[in-house]
N, C-alpha and C. Protein backbone atom coordinates (compact mmCIF):
# COMPACT_ATOMS: atom_id res chain seq x y z
N MET A 1 0.85 -1.19 0.00
CA MET A 1 0.00 0.00 0.00
C MET A 1 0.88 1.24 0.00
N GLY A 2 0.30 2.39 -0.10
CA GLY A 2 1.05 3.63 -0.12
C GLY A 2 0.79 4.40 -1.39
N PHE A 3 1.31 5.58 -1.43
CA PHE A 3 1.10 6.45 -2.57
C PHE A 3 2.44 7.00 -3.03
N PRO A 4 2.57 7.31 -4.31
CA PRO A 4 3.83 7.89 -4.79
C PRO A 4 3.99 9.31 -4.28
N SER A 5 5.22 9.75 -4.23
CA SER A 5 5.47 11.12 -3.81
C SER A 5 4.91 12.09 -4.85
N GLN A 6 4.70 13.31 -4.43
CA GLN A 6 4.17 14.31 -5.34
C GLN A 6 5.10 14.54 -6.52
N PHE A 7 6.40 14.53 -6.27
CA PHE A 7 7.36 14.74 -7.35
C PHE A 7 7.26 13.62 -8.39
N ILE A 8 7.22 12.38 -7.94
CA ILE A 8 7.14 11.25 -8.87
C ILE A 8 5.83 11.28 -9.66
N ARG A 9 4.74 11.56 -8.96
CA ARG A 9 3.44 11.60 -9.63
C ARG A 9 3.40 12.68 -10.71
N LYS A 10 3.90 13.86 -10.37
CA LYS A 10 3.88 14.96 -11.34
C LYS A 10 4.85 14.73 -12.49
N THR A 11 5.99 14.10 -12.19
CA THR A 11 6.94 13.78 -13.26
C THR A 11 6.31 12.81 -14.25
N TYR A 12 5.60 11.82 -13.72
CA TYR A 12 4.93 10.85 -14.60
C TYR A 12 3.88 11.55 -15.47
N GLU A 13 3.08 12.41 -14.86
CA GLU A 13 2.05 13.13 -15.62
C GLU A 13 2.69 14.01 -16.69
N MET A 14 3.81 14.62 -16.37
CA MET A 14 4.50 15.48 -17.32
C MET A 14 5.01 14.67 -18.51
N VAL A 15 5.65 13.55 -18.22
CA VAL A 15 6.21 12.71 -19.29
C VAL A 15 5.10 12.09 -20.12
N ASP A 16 4.01 11.74 -19.48
CA ASP A 16 2.93 11.02 -20.15
C ASP A 16 2.01 11.93 -20.96
N ASP A 17 2.20 13.24 -20.85
CA ASP A 17 1.35 14.20 -21.56
C ASP A 17 1.76 14.26 -23.03
N PRO A 18 0.92 13.80 -23.95
CA PRO A 18 1.29 13.78 -25.37
C PRO A 18 1.41 15.18 -25.99
N SER A 19 0.83 16.18 -25.36
CA SER A 19 0.87 17.53 -25.93
C SER A 19 2.26 18.15 -25.85
N THR A 20 3.13 17.56 -25.02
CA THR A 20 4.49 18.11 -24.88
C THR A 20 5.55 17.09 -25.32
N ASP A 21 5.18 16.16 -26.18
CA ASP A 21 6.12 15.13 -26.62
C ASP A 21 7.33 15.71 -27.35
N SER A 22 7.19 16.88 -27.92
CA SER A 22 8.33 17.48 -28.62
C SER A 22 9.36 18.02 -27.63
N ILE A 23 8.97 18.15 -26.36
CA ILE A 23 9.87 18.67 -25.33
C ILE A 23 10.33 17.55 -24.40
N VAL A 24 9.40 16.71 -23.96
CA VAL A 24 9.72 15.58 -23.09
C VAL A 24 8.73 14.46 -23.39
N SER A 25 9.25 13.23 -23.46
CA SER A 25 8.36 12.10 -23.80
C SER A 25 9.01 10.80 -23.36
N TRP A 26 8.22 9.76 -23.41
CA TRP A 26 8.76 8.42 -23.16
C TRP A 26 9.77 8.08 -24.25
N SER A 27 10.77 7.31 -23.87
CA SER A 27 11.77 6.88 -24.84
C SER A 27 11.14 5.92 -25.85
N GLN A 28 11.61 6.01 -27.08
CA GLN A 28 11.09 5.11 -28.11
C GLN A 28 11.74 3.74 -28.02
N ASN A 29 12.84 3.64 -27.27
CA ASN A 29 13.58 2.37 -27.19
C ASN A 29 13.08 1.46 -26.08
N CYS A 30 12.63 2.06 -24.99
CA CYS A 30 12.14 1.24 -23.88
C CYS A 30 11.08 2.03 -23.10
N ASN A 31 10.29 1.30 -22.32
CA ASN A 31 9.17 1.92 -21.62
C ASN A 31 9.52 2.38 -20.20
N ASN A 32 10.74 2.19 -19.74
CA ASN A 32 11.08 2.62 -18.38
C ASN A 32 12.08 3.78 -18.39
N SER A 33 12.07 4.56 -19.46
CA SER A 33 12.91 5.76 -19.50
C SER A 33 12.18 6.86 -20.28
N PHE A 34 12.61 8.09 -20.04
CA PHE A 34 12.04 9.20 -20.78
C PHE A 34 13.17 10.13 -21.21
N VAL A 35 12.87 10.95 -22.21
CA VAL A 35 13.88 11.81 -22.81
C VAL A 35 13.41 13.26 -22.76
N VAL A 36 14.30 14.13 -22.30
CA VAL A 36 14.05 15.57 -22.39
C VAL A 36 14.70 16.04 -23.68
N TRP A 37 13.89 16.35 -24.66
CA TRP A 37 14.39 16.73 -25.97
C TRP A 37 14.87 18.18 -26.02
N ASN A 38 14.26 19.01 -25.21
CA ASN A 38 14.63 20.43 -25.21
C ASN A 38 14.52 20.95 -23.78
N HIS A 39 15.68 20.99 -23.09
CA HIS A 39 15.62 21.36 -21.67
C HIS A 39 15.27 22.83 -21.47
N ARG A 40 15.58 23.68 -22.45
CA ARG A 40 15.24 25.10 -22.31
C ARG A 40 13.73 25.31 -22.40
N ASP A 41 13.09 24.64 -23.34
CA ASP A 41 11.63 24.73 -23.42
C ASP A 41 10.97 24.06 -22.22
N LEU A 42 11.63 23.02 -21.69
CA LEU A 42 11.10 22.36 -20.49
C LEU A 42 11.08 23.35 -19.33
N GLU A 43 12.17 24.10 -19.17
CA GLU A 43 12.24 25.10 -18.11
C GLU A 43 11.20 26.20 -18.31
N LYS A 44 11.05 26.61 -19.54
CA LYS A 44 10.21 27.77 -19.83
C LYS A 44 8.72 27.43 -19.84
N HIS A 45 8.36 26.29 -20.39
CA HIS A 45 6.94 26.02 -20.64
C HIS A 45 6.35 24.86 -19.82
N VAL A 46 7.18 23.89 -19.42
CA VAL A 46 6.62 22.67 -18.83
C VAL A 46 6.79 22.60 -17.31
N LEU A 47 8.01 22.77 -16.84
CA LEU A 47 8.25 22.63 -15.39
C LEU A 47 7.35 23.53 -14.54
N PRO A 48 7.13 24.80 -14.93
CA PRO A 48 6.26 25.66 -14.09
C PRO A 48 4.83 25.16 -13.97
N LYS A 49 4.39 24.33 -14.92
CA LYS A 49 3.03 23.79 -14.88
C LYS A 49 2.89 22.73 -13.79
N TYR A 50 3.99 22.07 -13.46
CA TYR A 50 3.91 20.95 -12.53
C TYR A 50 4.61 21.19 -11.19
N PHE A 51 5.59 22.09 -11.21
CA PHE A 51 6.38 22.31 -10.00
C PHE A 51 6.43 23.79 -9.66
N ARG A 52 6.97 24.08 -8.48
CA ARG A 52 7.05 25.47 -8.03
C ARG A 52 8.30 26.17 -8.56
N HIS A 53 9.03 25.51 -9.42
CA HIS A 53 10.25 26.10 -9.97
C HIS A 53 10.33 25.77 -11.46
N ASN A 54 11.31 26.36 -12.13
CA ASN A 54 11.54 26.04 -13.54
C ASN A 54 13.02 25.76 -13.77
N ASN A 55 13.65 25.21 -12.75
CA ASN A 55 15.09 24.96 -12.80
C ASN A 55 15.35 23.51 -13.21
N PHE A 56 15.96 23.33 -14.39
CA PHE A 56 16.21 21.99 -14.90
C PHE A 56 17.22 21.24 -14.03
N SER A 57 18.24 21.95 -13.54
CA SER A 57 19.24 21.31 -12.67
C SER A 57 18.60 20.79 -11.39
N SER A 58 17.67 21.55 -10.85
CA SER A 58 16.96 21.11 -9.65
C SER A 58 16.12 19.87 -9.95
N PHE A 59 15.52 19.84 -11.14
CA PHE A 59 14.72 18.69 -11.55
C PHE A 59 15.61 17.44 -11.64
N ILE A 60 16.81 17.59 -12.22
CA ILE A 60 17.73 16.47 -12.33
C ILE A 60 18.14 15.98 -10.94
N ARG A 61 18.41 16.93 -10.06
CA ARG A 61 18.81 16.56 -8.70
C ARG A 61 17.73 15.74 -8.02
N GLN A 62 16.46 16.12 -8.21
CA GLN A 62 15.36 15.36 -7.62
C GLN A 62 15.26 13.97 -8.23
N LEU A 63 15.51 13.86 -9.53
CA LEU A 63 15.51 12.54 -10.16
C LEU A 63 16.55 11.64 -9.51
N ASN A 64 17.73 12.18 -9.26
CA ASN A 64 18.77 11.39 -8.61
C ASN A 64 18.38 11.00 -7.19
N VAL A 65 17.69 11.90 -6.51
CA VAL A 65 17.23 11.59 -5.15
C VAL A 65 16.35 10.35 -5.15
N TYR A 66 15.56 10.18 -6.20
CA TYR A 66 14.63 9.05 -6.28
C TYR A 66 15.19 7.88 -7.09
N GLY A 67 16.50 7.89 -7.38
CA GLY A 67 17.13 6.71 -7.96
C GLY A 67 17.10 6.63 -9.47
N PHE A 68 16.74 7.70 -10.16
CA PHE A 68 16.81 7.70 -11.62
C PHE A 68 18.27 7.80 -12.05
N SER A 69 18.58 7.24 -13.19
CA SER A 69 19.93 7.31 -13.73
C SER A 69 19.89 7.81 -15.17
N LYS A 70 20.96 8.49 -15.55
CA LYS A 70 21.08 9.01 -16.91
C LYS A 70 21.68 7.89 -17.77
N VAL A 71 20.92 7.46 -18.78
CA VAL A 71 21.30 6.24 -19.50
C VAL A 71 21.96 6.51 -20.84
N ASP A 72 21.93 7.73 -21.32
CA ASP A 72 22.52 8.06 -22.61
C ASP A 72 23.38 9.30 -22.45
N PRO A 73 24.70 9.18 -22.68
CA PRO A 73 25.58 10.35 -22.49
C PRO A 73 25.37 11.44 -23.53
N GLU A 74 24.68 11.12 -24.61
CA GLU A 74 24.50 12.08 -25.69
C GLU A 74 23.20 12.88 -25.57
N ARG A 75 22.34 12.49 -24.67
CA ARG A 75 21.07 13.21 -24.52
C ARG A 75 20.56 13.04 -23.10
N TRP A 76 19.54 13.85 -22.78
CA TRP A 76 18.96 13.83 -21.44
C TRP A 76 17.90 12.73 -21.36
N GLU A 77 18.37 11.51 -21.16
CA GLU A 77 17.47 10.36 -21.02
C GLU A 77 17.67 9.76 -19.63
N PHE A 78 16.56 9.60 -18.92
CA PHE A 78 16.59 9.12 -17.55
C PHE A 78 15.72 7.88 -17.41
N ALA A 79 16.19 6.95 -16.58
CA ALA A 79 15.46 5.69 -16.43
C ALA A 79 15.37 5.28 -14.98
N HIS A 80 14.30 4.55 -14.69
CA HIS A 80 14.11 3.91 -13.38
C HIS A 80 13.35 2.62 -13.64
N GLU A 81 13.73 1.57 -12.98
CA GLU A 81 13.18 0.25 -13.29
C GLU A 81 11.67 0.16 -13.11
N VAL A 82 11.09 0.96 -12.23
CA VAL A 82 9.63 0.88 -12.03
C VAL A 82 8.91 2.15 -12.50
N PHE A 83 9.63 3.03 -13.16
CA PHE A 83 8.99 4.20 -13.78
C PHE A 83 8.71 3.82 -15.23
N GLN A 84 7.53 3.22 -15.44
CA GLN A 84 7.23 2.60 -16.72
C GLN A 84 5.96 3.17 -17.34
N LYS A 85 6.00 3.29 -18.64
CA LYS A 85 4.84 3.80 -19.38
C LYS A 85 3.66 2.85 -19.20
N GLY A 86 2.51 3.42 -18.82
CA GLY A 86 1.29 2.62 -18.64
C GLY A 86 1.24 1.84 -17.35
N GLN A 87 2.23 2.01 -16.47
CA GLN A 87 2.28 1.26 -15.21
C GLN A 87 2.29 2.23 -14.03
N LYS A 88 1.32 3.10 -14.00
CA LYS A 88 1.27 4.15 -12.98
C LYS A 88 1.17 3.58 -11.58
N HIS A 89 0.59 2.39 -11.45
CA HIS A 89 0.43 1.79 -10.12
C HIS A 89 1.77 1.41 -9.47
N LEU A 90 2.83 1.34 -10.29
CA LEU A 90 4.15 0.98 -9.76
C LEU A 90 4.88 2.17 -9.12
N LEU A 91 4.35 3.36 -9.34
CA LEU A 91 5.06 4.56 -8.88
C LEU A 91 5.25 4.58 -7.37
N LYS A 92 4.34 3.95 -6.64
CA LYS A 92 4.45 3.96 -5.17
C LYS A 92 5.70 3.25 -4.69
N ASN A 93 6.32 2.46 -5.55
CA ASN A 93 7.53 1.73 -5.17
C ASN A 93 8.80 2.56 -5.33
N ILE A 94 8.68 3.74 -5.88
CA ILE A 94 9.86 4.60 -6.04
C ILE A 94 10.03 5.42 -4.76
N LYS A 95 11.13 5.19 -4.07
CA LYS A 95 11.37 5.84 -2.79
C LYS A 95 12.61 6.74 -2.87
N ARG A 96 12.66 7.70 -1.97
CA ARG A 96 13.84 8.55 -1.87
C ARG A 96 15.03 7.75 -1.38
N ARG A 97 16.18 8.04 -1.96
CA ARG A 97 17.41 7.39 -1.50
C ARG A 97 18.04 8.21 -0.38
N LYS A 98 18.87 7.57 0.41
CA LYS A 98 19.60 8.28 1.44
C LYS A 98 20.59 9.24 0.79
N PRO A 99 20.87 10.36 1.44
CA PRO A 99 21.77 11.36 0.84
C PRO A 99 23.09 10.79 0.36
N SER A 100 23.69 9.87 1.14
CA SER A 100 25.00 9.34 0.76
C SER A 100 24.94 8.53 -0.52
N SER A 101 23.77 7.96 -0.82
CA SER A 101 23.66 7.09 -1.99
C SER A 101 23.43 7.85 -3.27
N TYR A 102 22.79 9.05 -3.19
CA TYR A 102 22.56 9.78 -4.42
C TYR A 102 23.55 10.91 -4.66
N THR A 103 24.31 11.32 -3.63
CA THR A 103 25.28 12.39 -3.81
C THR A 103 26.36 11.98 -4.78
N SER A 104 26.83 10.73 -4.67
CA SER A 104 27.88 10.24 -5.56
C SER A 104 27.40 10.22 -7.00
N ALA A 105 26.20 9.69 -7.20
CA ALA A 105 25.66 9.65 -8.56
C ALA A 105 25.44 11.04 -9.11
N LEU A 106 25.03 11.95 -8.26
CA LEU A 106 24.78 13.31 -8.70
C LEU A 106 26.07 13.99 -9.10
N ASN A 107 27.17 13.73 -8.38
CA ASN A 107 28.45 14.34 -8.69
C ASN A 107 29.01 13.85 -10.02
N HIS A 108 28.64 12.63 -10.44
CA HIS A 108 29.13 12.07 -11.69
C HIS A 108 28.18 12.30 -12.85
N GLN A 109 27.08 13.00 -12.59
CA GLN A 109 26.10 13.29 -13.64
C GLN A 109 26.71 14.23 -14.67
N GLN A 110 26.56 13.95 -15.94
CA GLN A 110 27.09 14.80 -16.99
C GLN A 110 26.15 15.96 -17.23
N HIS A 111 26.72 17.14 -17.56
CA HIS A 111 25.92 18.34 -17.74
C HIS A 111 26.37 19.07 -19.00
N PRO A 112 26.02 18.59 -20.18
CA PRO A 112 26.39 19.29 -21.41
C PRO A 112 25.52 20.50 -21.64
N GLN A 113 25.85 21.23 -22.68
CA GLN A 113 25.04 22.37 -23.16
C GLN A 113 24.87 23.43 -22.08
N GLY A 114 25.93 23.64 -21.29
CA GLY A 114 25.92 24.77 -20.36
C GLY A 114 25.11 24.57 -19.10
N ILE A 115 24.68 23.32 -18.81
CA ILE A 115 23.95 23.09 -17.57
C ILE A 115 24.95 23.05 -16.43
N SER A 116 24.68 23.75 -15.33
CA SER A 116 25.63 23.85 -14.23
C SER A 116 25.75 22.52 -13.51
N SER A 117 26.86 22.33 -12.79
CA SER A 117 27.08 21.10 -12.03
C SER A 117 26.10 21.02 -10.88
N SER A 118 25.94 19.79 -10.32
CA SER A 118 24.95 19.60 -9.27
C SER A 118 25.32 20.37 -8.02
N ASN A 119 26.63 20.38 -7.68
CA ASN A 119 27.03 21.10 -6.48
C ASN A 119 26.77 22.59 -6.63
N GLY A 120 27.16 23.12 -7.80
CA GLY A 120 26.93 24.54 -8.04
C GLY A 120 25.45 24.86 -8.06
N SER A 121 24.68 23.95 -8.68
CA SER A 121 23.24 24.16 -8.74
C SER A 121 22.63 24.14 -7.36
N THR A 122 23.07 23.15 -6.55
CA THR A 122 22.52 23.04 -5.20
C THR A 122 22.85 24.28 -4.38
N GLU A 123 24.11 24.73 -4.50
CA GLU A 123 24.51 25.92 -3.76
C GLU A 123 23.70 27.14 -4.19
N THR A 124 23.50 27.26 -5.51
CA THR A 124 22.72 28.38 -6.03
C THR A 124 21.28 28.31 -5.54
N GLU A 125 20.72 27.10 -5.56
CA GLU A 125 19.33 26.94 -5.12
C GLU A 125 19.19 27.25 -3.63
N GLU A 126 20.21 26.83 -2.84
CA GLU A 126 20.16 27.13 -1.41
C GLU A 126 20.22 28.63 -1.17
N LYS A 127 21.07 29.32 -1.97
CA LYS A 127 21.16 30.77 -1.84
C LYS A 127 19.83 31.42 -2.22
N GLU A 128 19.23 30.91 -3.32
CA GLU A 128 17.94 31.45 -3.75
C GLU A 128 16.87 31.20 -2.69
N SER A 129 16.94 30.00 -2.09
CA SER A 129 15.97 29.67 -1.05
C SER A 129 16.13 30.58 0.16
N LEU A 130 17.39 30.81 0.56
CA LEU A 130 17.65 31.72 1.68
C LEU A 130 17.19 33.14 1.35
N LYS A 131 17.43 33.54 0.09
CA LYS A 131 17.01 34.87 -0.34
C LYS A 131 15.50 34.99 -0.29
N ASP A 132 14.81 33.95 -0.77
CA ASP A 132 13.34 33.96 -0.74
C ASP A 132 12.83 34.02 0.70
N ASN A 133 13.45 33.22 1.58
CA ASN A 133 13.04 33.22 2.99
C ASN A 133 13.27 34.58 3.62
N LYS A 134 14.42 35.20 3.26
CA LYS A 134 14.72 36.53 3.79
C LYS A 134 13.68 37.53 3.34
N ASN A 135 13.32 37.46 2.03
CA ASN A 135 12.31 38.39 1.51
C ASN A 135 10.96 38.18 2.17
N LYS A 136 10.62 36.91 2.42
CA LYS A 136 9.36 36.61 3.09
C LYS A 136 9.35 37.17 4.51
N LEU A 137 10.49 37.00 5.20
CA LEU A 137 10.58 37.52 6.57
C LEU A 137 10.49 39.04 6.60
N ILE A 138 11.13 39.67 5.60
CA ILE A 138 11.06 41.13 5.53
C ILE A 138 9.63 41.58 5.29
N LYS A 139 8.94 40.91 4.37
CA LYS A 139 7.54 41.25 4.10
C LYS A 139 6.68 41.05 5.35
N GLU A 140 6.94 39.95 6.06
CA GLU A 140 6.17 39.67 7.27
C GLU A 140 6.45 40.72 8.34
N LEU A 141 7.72 41.14 8.43
CA LEU A 141 8.09 42.17 9.40
C LEU A 141 7.41 43.50 9.07
N VAL A 142 7.40 43.85 7.78
CA VAL A 142 6.73 45.08 7.35
C VAL A 142 5.24 45.01 7.68
N LYS A 143 4.67 43.83 7.44
CA LYS A 143 3.24 43.65 7.73
C LYS A 143 2.96 43.81 9.22
N LEU A 144 3.82 43.21 10.07
CA LEU A 144 3.64 43.30 11.51
C LEU A 144 3.81 44.74 11.99
N ARG A 145 4.78 45.44 11.41
CA ARG A 145 4.97 46.84 11.80
C ARG A 145 3.78 47.69 11.39
N GLN A 146 3.21 47.40 10.24
CA GLN A 146 2.03 48.14 9.80
C GLN A 146 0.85 47.86 10.72
N GLU A 147 0.70 46.59 11.11
CA GLU A 147 -0.37 46.25 12.04
C GLU A 147 -0.15 46.92 13.39
N GLN A 148 1.13 46.97 13.83
CA GLN A 148 1.43 47.65 15.08
C GLN A 148 1.10 49.13 15.00
N GLN A 149 1.43 49.74 13.86
CA GLN A 149 1.12 51.16 13.67
C GLN A 149 -0.39 51.39 13.67
N ASN A 150 -1.12 50.48 13.00
CA ASN A 150 -2.58 50.61 12.97
C ASN A 150 -3.17 50.48 14.37
N MET A 151 -2.63 49.54 15.16
CA MET A 151 -3.12 49.37 16.52
C MET A 151 -2.79 50.59 17.38
N ARG A 152 -1.59 51.15 17.17
CA ARG A 152 -1.21 52.35 17.92
C ARG A 152 -2.15 53.51 17.60
N GLN A 153 -2.47 53.68 16.31
CA GLN A 153 -3.41 54.73 15.92
C GLN A 153 -4.79 54.48 16.50
N CYS A 154 -5.19 53.21 16.53
CA CYS A 154 -6.49 52.86 17.10
C CYS A 154 -6.54 53.20 18.59
N PHE A 155 -5.46 52.86 19.32
CA PHE A 155 -5.40 53.18 20.74
C PHE A 155 -5.41 54.69 20.97
N GLN A 156 -4.68 55.41 20.11
CA GLN A 156 -4.67 56.87 20.24
C GLN A 156 -6.06 57.45 20.02
N PHE A 157 -6.78 56.89 19.05
CA PHE A 157 -8.14 57.35 18.78
C PHE A 157 -9.04 57.08 19.98
N ILE A 158 -8.91 55.88 20.56
CA ILE A 158 -9.72 55.52 21.72
C ILE A 158 -9.38 56.44 22.91
N GLU A 159 -8.08 56.70 23.08
CA GLU A 159 -7.65 57.56 24.17
C GLU A 159 -8.21 58.97 24.00
N GLN A 160 -8.19 59.46 22.76
CA GLN A 160 -8.75 60.79 22.48
C GLN A 160 -10.24 60.82 22.76
N ARG A 161 -10.94 59.78 22.37
CA ARG A 161 -12.38 59.70 22.64
C ARG A 161 -12.66 59.69 24.13
N LEU A 162 -11.84 58.94 24.88
CA LEU A 162 -12.03 58.89 26.33
C LEU A 162 -11.77 60.25 26.97
N ASP A 163 -10.71 60.92 26.49
CA ASP A 163 -10.43 62.26 27.02
C ASP A 163 -11.58 63.21 26.72
N LEU A 164 -12.13 63.13 25.50
CA LEU A 164 -13.25 63.99 25.13
C LEU A 164 -14.47 63.70 26.00
N MET A 165 -14.75 62.42 26.23
CA MET A 165 -15.89 62.05 27.07
C MET A 165 -15.68 62.54 28.50
N GLU A 166 -14.43 62.45 28.98
CA GLU A 166 -14.14 62.93 30.33
C GLU A 166 -14.37 64.43 30.43
N GLN A 167 -13.95 65.17 29.40
CA GLN A 167 -14.17 66.62 29.40
C GLN A 167 -15.66 66.96 29.39
N ILE A 168 -16.41 66.21 28.57
CA ILE A 168 -17.85 66.44 28.49
C ILE A 168 -18.52 66.17 29.84
N LEU A 169 -18.12 65.06 30.48
CA LEU A 169 -18.70 64.72 31.77
C LEU A 169 -18.34 65.77 32.82
N GLN A 170 -17.07 66.25 32.79
CA GLN A 170 -16.67 67.29 33.74
C GLN A 170 -17.49 68.55 33.55
N GLN A 171 -17.72 68.91 32.26
CA GLN A 171 -18.54 70.09 31.98
C GLN A 171 -19.97 69.88 32.47
N GLN A 172 -20.49 68.68 32.25
CA GLN A 172 -21.85 68.39 32.70
C GLN A 172 -21.94 68.43 34.23
N PHE A 173 -20.95 67.82 34.91
CA PHE A 173 -20.94 67.85 36.38
C PHE A 173 -20.81 69.27 36.89
N HIS A 174 -19.97 70.07 36.22
CA HIS A 174 -19.81 71.46 36.63
C HIS A 174 -21.12 72.22 36.48
N GLY A 175 -21.82 71.97 35.34
CA GLY A 175 -23.10 72.62 35.11
C GLY A 175 -24.13 72.21 36.15
N MET A 176 -24.13 70.92 36.50
CA MET A 176 -25.06 70.41 37.50
C MET A 176 -24.75 71.02 38.86
N ASP A 177 -23.46 71.15 39.15
CA ASP A 177 -23.07 71.74 40.43
C ASP A 177 -23.55 73.19 40.54
N ILE A 178 -23.44 73.95 39.43
CA ILE A 178 -23.91 75.33 39.42
C ILE A 178 -25.42 75.38 39.63
N ARG A 179 -26.12 74.49 38.94
CA ARG A 179 -27.58 74.48 39.06
C ARG A 179 -28.01 74.10 40.48
N ILE A 180 -27.29 73.14 41.08
CA ILE A 180 -27.64 72.72 42.45
C ILE A 180 -27.42 73.87 43.42
N ARG A 181 -26.30 74.57 43.27
CA ARG A 181 -26.02 75.70 44.15
C ARG A 181 -27.06 76.81 43.97
N TYR A 182 -27.46 77.02 42.72
CA TYR A 182 -28.48 78.03 42.44
C TYR A 182 -29.79 77.66 43.10
N MET A 183 -30.17 76.38 42.97
CA MET A 183 -31.40 75.91 43.58
C MET A 183 -31.33 76.01 45.10
N GLU A 184 -30.14 75.67 45.65
CA GLU A 184 -29.99 75.79 47.10
C GLU A 184 -30.13 77.25 47.54
N HIS A 185 -29.56 78.17 46.77
CA HIS A 185 -29.67 79.59 47.09
C HIS A 185 -31.11 80.07 47.03
N LYS A 186 -31.82 79.69 45.95
CA LYS A 186 -33.23 80.10 45.81
C LYS A 186 -34.08 79.51 46.93
N PHE A 187 -33.78 78.26 47.28
CA PHE A 187 -34.53 77.62 48.35
C PHE A 187 -34.30 78.37 49.68
N SER A 188 -33.03 78.74 49.86
CA SER A 188 -32.70 79.49 51.09
C SER A 188 -33.42 80.83 51.12
N GLU A 189 -33.49 81.52 49.99
CA GLU A 189 -34.18 82.81 49.92
C GLU A 189 -35.66 82.63 50.23
N ILE A 190 -36.26 81.60 49.63
CA ILE A 190 -37.69 81.35 49.86
C ILE A 190 -37.94 81.04 51.33
N TRP A 191 -37.07 80.24 51.91
CA TRP A 191 -37.23 79.85 53.32
C TRP A 191 -37.09 81.07 54.23
N ASN A 192 -36.13 81.91 53.92
CA ASN A 192 -35.92 83.10 54.73
C ASN A 192 -37.12 84.07 54.63
N SER A 193 -37.65 84.18 53.42
CA SER A 193 -38.81 85.08 53.23
C SER A 193 -40.01 84.57 54.00
N ARG A 194 -40.18 83.27 54.08
CA ARG A 194 -41.31 82.70 54.84
C ARG A 194 -41.12 82.99 56.34
N GLU A 195 -39.90 82.90 56.80
CA GLU A 195 -39.63 83.16 58.21
C GLU A 195 -39.94 84.63 58.56
N ILE A 196 -39.58 85.50 57.63
CA ILE A 196 -39.84 86.91 57.83
C ILE A 196 -41.34 87.19 57.91
N CYS A 197 -42.09 86.53 57.02
CA CYS A 197 -43.54 86.72 56.99
C CYS A 197 -44.18 86.23 58.31
N LYS A 198 -43.65 85.24 58.93
CA LYS A 198 -44.21 84.68 60.15
C LYS A 198 -44.03 85.67 61.30
N THR A 199 -42.94 86.35 61.25
CA THR A 199 -42.67 87.30 62.32
C THR A 199 -43.46 88.60 62.10
C-alpha cells in the first residue's frame, strides 16, 4: 500500500502528456525511460506547470534523489526500473534514497550544453531559497509593523475619545453643580422670606 510522492506523480504526468512530446516524452527504445528533448523549453513552458520552480538542474537533482539514472551520455534520457509507461500503479515503489547514496551519482552526472554542475546548482538553489526566505521575513516584518502602527493609531483614537468624554462629563458635572447651588440659594431665599412673613 502507499502512494507515490508528489514529485514522482507529477513527473509521470508530465512525461505522459502527449501535448508536450516534442519537449519531453517516453523513450522510443524502452518503456522505463524518458527523454528531455529540449531542456530550455522544459524550463520555460513545462516545469512551471507541474512544479514550483523552472530549474532543470533542480529537476535532475530530484531525479537522482529518487534513484533515476542518466542512461545516454548524448542526450537527457533518464530511467528507473519501475517508472514505466502505462504502469502508474508501480510509482508507489519509487522511494527517496539516502543522501549518501545519491550524492555520488549526482556528482558524476554529466551536464552538457551549459547546464551547471549539481554542487553549483545546489549551492545556487540554497542561496535562492535563503534569499526567498529573507524576503518573506522582511515582508512579514513590514506587515507586523504596519499592524502595530494601525493598533497604535487605534489606541490613540480611543484615548482621544475617552479624554473627550471625560471633558464632556466634567462640563456636565460642573453645570449640574452650578444648578444645584443656584437651587440651594433660591430655596434658602424662599425659606428666609417665609420666616420673615411669620414674624
